Amino acid sequence: MTVGQDGGAIAIRDGVFHGVEAQCSLTIPVNARDMDATLFDASCEGEGRKWQRRLMILDTPEGIVTIRSGGLVARYIRCD
């Protein structure tokens, strides 16, 4: 699978969240107490735009769940 393209995979490597046609540098990690989750400041760019947001990444048995500022929740299933 190709990372970061439509129909491809996402990846988190070396402090960067590689999404579909966008990348976010993840900084200032804060562990969520009693949860398998981390809250980040994300500096993102893609499709000719740049933006900032808060992003929580929660590990699950199937993959990850992301919750971003504004309330959008997304589930990603791990591919092996």
C-alpha atoms as a PDB file:
ATOM      1  CA  MET A   1       0.000   0.000   0.000  1.00  0.00           C
ATOM      2  CA  THR A   2       1.087   3.527  -0.690  1.00  0.00           C
ATOM      3  CA  VAL A   3       1.157   5.846   2.317  1.00  0.00           C
ATOM      4  CA  GLY A   4      -0.610   9.193   2.003  1.00  0.00           C
ATOM      5  CA  GLN A   5      -2.520   8.670  -1.236  1.00  0.00           C
ATOM      6  CA  ASP A   6      -6.229   8.060  -1.844  1.00  0.00           C
ATOM      7  CA  GLY A   7      -6.943   4.405  -1.148  1.00  0.00           C
ATOM      8  CA  GLY A   8      -3.586   4.026   0.576  1.00  0.00           C
ATOM      9  CA  ALA A   9      -2.500   3.762   4.163  1.00  0.00           C
ATOM     10  CA  ILE A  10      -1.712   6.321   6.829  1.00  0.00           C
ATOM     11  CA  ALA A  11       1.427   6.122   8.930  1.00  0.00           C
ATOM     12  CA  ILE A  12       2.934   7.688  12.022  1.00  0.00           C
ATOM     13  CA  ARG A  13       6.724   7.757  11.742  1.00  0.00           C
ATOM     14  CA  ASP A  14       9.403   9.872  13.386  1.00  0.00           C
ATOM     15  CA  GLY A  15       6.873  12.260  14.939  1.00  0.00           C
ATOM     16  CA  VAL A  16       4.937  12.825  11.702  1.00  0.00           C
ATOM     17  CA  PHE A  17       1.359  11.711  10.984  1.00  0.00           C
ATOM     18  CA  HIS A  18       1.182  10.904   7.260  1.00  0.00           C
ATOM     19  CA  GLY A  19      -2.471  11.137   6.220  1.00  0.00           C
ATOM     20  CA  VAL A  20      -4.155  11.220   2.831  1.00  0.00           C
ATOM     21  CA  GLU A  21      -2.486  14.045   0.888  1.00  0.00           C
ATOM     22  CA  ALA A  22      -1.409  15.758   4.144  1.00  0.00           C
ATOM     23  CA  GLN A  23       1.264  15.496   6.819  1.00  0.00           C
ATOM     24  CA  CYS A  24       1.239  16.712  10.407  1.00  0.00           C
ATOM     25  CA  SER A  25       4.283  17.182  12.626  1.00  0.00           C
ATOM     26  CA  LEU A  26       3.305  16.006  16.109  1.00  0.00           C
ATOM     27  CA  THR A  27       4.844  17.962  18.984  1.00  0.00           C
ATOM     28  CA  ILE A  28       4.396  18.540  22.720  1.00  0.00           C
ATOM     29  CA  PRO A  29       3.027  15.061  23.550  1.00  0.00           C
ATOM     30  CA  VAL A  30       0.877  14.808  26.683  1.00  0.00           C
ATOM     31  CA  ASN A  31      -0.098  11.348  27.926  1.00  0.00           C
ATOM     32  CA  ALA A  32      -3.756  10.959  28.870  1.00  0.00           C
ATOM     33  CA  ARG A  33      -3.891   9.542  32.394  1.00  0.00           C
ATOM     34  CA  ASP A  34      -5.381   6.018  32.644  1.00  0.00           C
ATOM     35  CA  MET A  35      -5.817   5.840  28.855  1.00  0.00           C
ATOM     36  CA  ASP A  36      -3.637   4.464  26.089  1.00  0.00           C
ATOM     37  CA  ALA A  37      -3.714   7.879  24.405  1.00  0.00           C
ATOM     38  CA  THR A  38      -1.520  10.892  23.714  1.00  0.00           C
ATOM     39  CA  LEU A  39      -2.544  14.479  22.931  1.00  0.00           C
ATOM     40  CA  PHE A  40      -0.364  16.412  20.472  1.00  0.00           C
ATOM     41  CA  ASP A  41      -0.045  19.831  18.917  1.00  0.00           C
ATOM     42  CA  ALA A  42      -0.128  19.182  15.175  1.00  0.00           C
ATOM     43  CA  SER A  43       1.340  21.465  12.509  1.00  0.00           C
ATOM     44  CA  CYS A  44      -0.113  20.263   9.233  1.00  0.00           C
ATOM     45  CA  GLU A  45       0.234  20.932   5.543  1.00  0.00           C
ATOM     46  CA  GLY A  46      -1.286  19.482   2.417  1.00  0.00           C
ATOM     47  CA  GLU A  47      -2.985  20.417  -0.822  1.00  0.00           C
ATOM     48  CA  GLY A  48      -1.315  23.844  -0.744  1.00  0.00           C
ATOM     49  CA  ARG A  49      -2.547  24.780   2.750  1.00  0.00           C
ATOM     50  CA  LYS A  50      -1.075  24.911   6.271  1.00  0.00           C
ATOM     51  CA  TRP A  51      -2.986  24.645   9.549  1.00  0.00           C
ATOM     52  CA  GLN A  52      -2.606  23.945  13.268  1.00  0.00           C
ATOM     53  CA  ARG A  53      -4.764  21.704  15.439  1.00  0.00           C
ATOM     54  CA  ARG A  54      -4.802  19.561  18.561  1.00  0.00           C
ATOM     55  CA  LEU A  55      -4.871  15.829  17.887  1.00  0.00           C
ATOM     56  CA  MET A  56      -5.381  12.930  20.288  1.00  0.00           C
ATOM     57  CA  ILE A  57      -4.250   9.486  19.191  1.00  0.00           C
ATOM     58  CA  LEU A  58      -5.709   6.535  21.077  1.00  0.00           C
ATOM     59  CA  ASP A  59      -4.282   3.032  20.624  1.00  0.00           C
ATOM     60  CA  THR A  60      -6.883   0.279  20.251  1.00  0.00           C
ATOM     61  CA  PRO A  61      -6.539  -3.477  19.717  1.00  0.00           C
ATOM     62  CA  GLU A  62      -7.521  -2.978  16.048  1.00  0.00           C
ATOM     63  CA  GLY A  63      -5.420   0.122  15.284  1.00  0.00           C
ATOM     64  CA  ILE A  64      -5.871   3.739  16.369  1.00  0.00           C
ATOM     65  CA  VAL A  65      -8.623   6.281  16.899  1.00  0.00           C
ATOM     66  CA  THR A  66      -7.915   9.966  16.333  1.00  0.00           C
ATOM     67  CA  ILE A  67      -9.874  12.823  17.862  1.00  0.00           C
ATOM     68  CA  ARG A  68      -9.067  16.260  16.543  1.00  0.00           C
ATOM     69  CA  SER A  69     -10.008  19.712  17.733  1.00  0.00           C
ATOM     70  CA  GLY A  70     -13.508  20.431  16.508  1.00  0.00           C
ATOM     71  CA  GLY A  71     -14.686  16.949  17.483  1.00  0.00           C
ATOM     72  CA  LEU A  72     -13.981  14.860  14.369  1.00  0.00           C
ATOM     73  CA  VAL A  73     -13.329  11.236  15.342  1.00  0.00           C
ATOM     74  CA  ALA A  74     -11.742   8.752  12.933  1.00  0.00           C
ATOM     75  CA  ARG A  75     -10.912   5.065  13.336  1.00  0.00           C
ATOM     76  CA  TYR A  76      -8.012   3.501  11.465  1.00  0.00           C
ATOM     77  CA  ILE A  77      -7.617  -0.272  11.253  1.00  0.00           C
ATOM     78  CA  ARG A  78      -4.062  -1.599  11.475  1.00  0.00           C
ATOM     79  CA  CYS A  79      -2.766  -3.329   8.371  1.00  0.00           C
ATOM     80  CA  ASP A  80      -0.021  -5.876   8.876  1.00  0.00           C
END
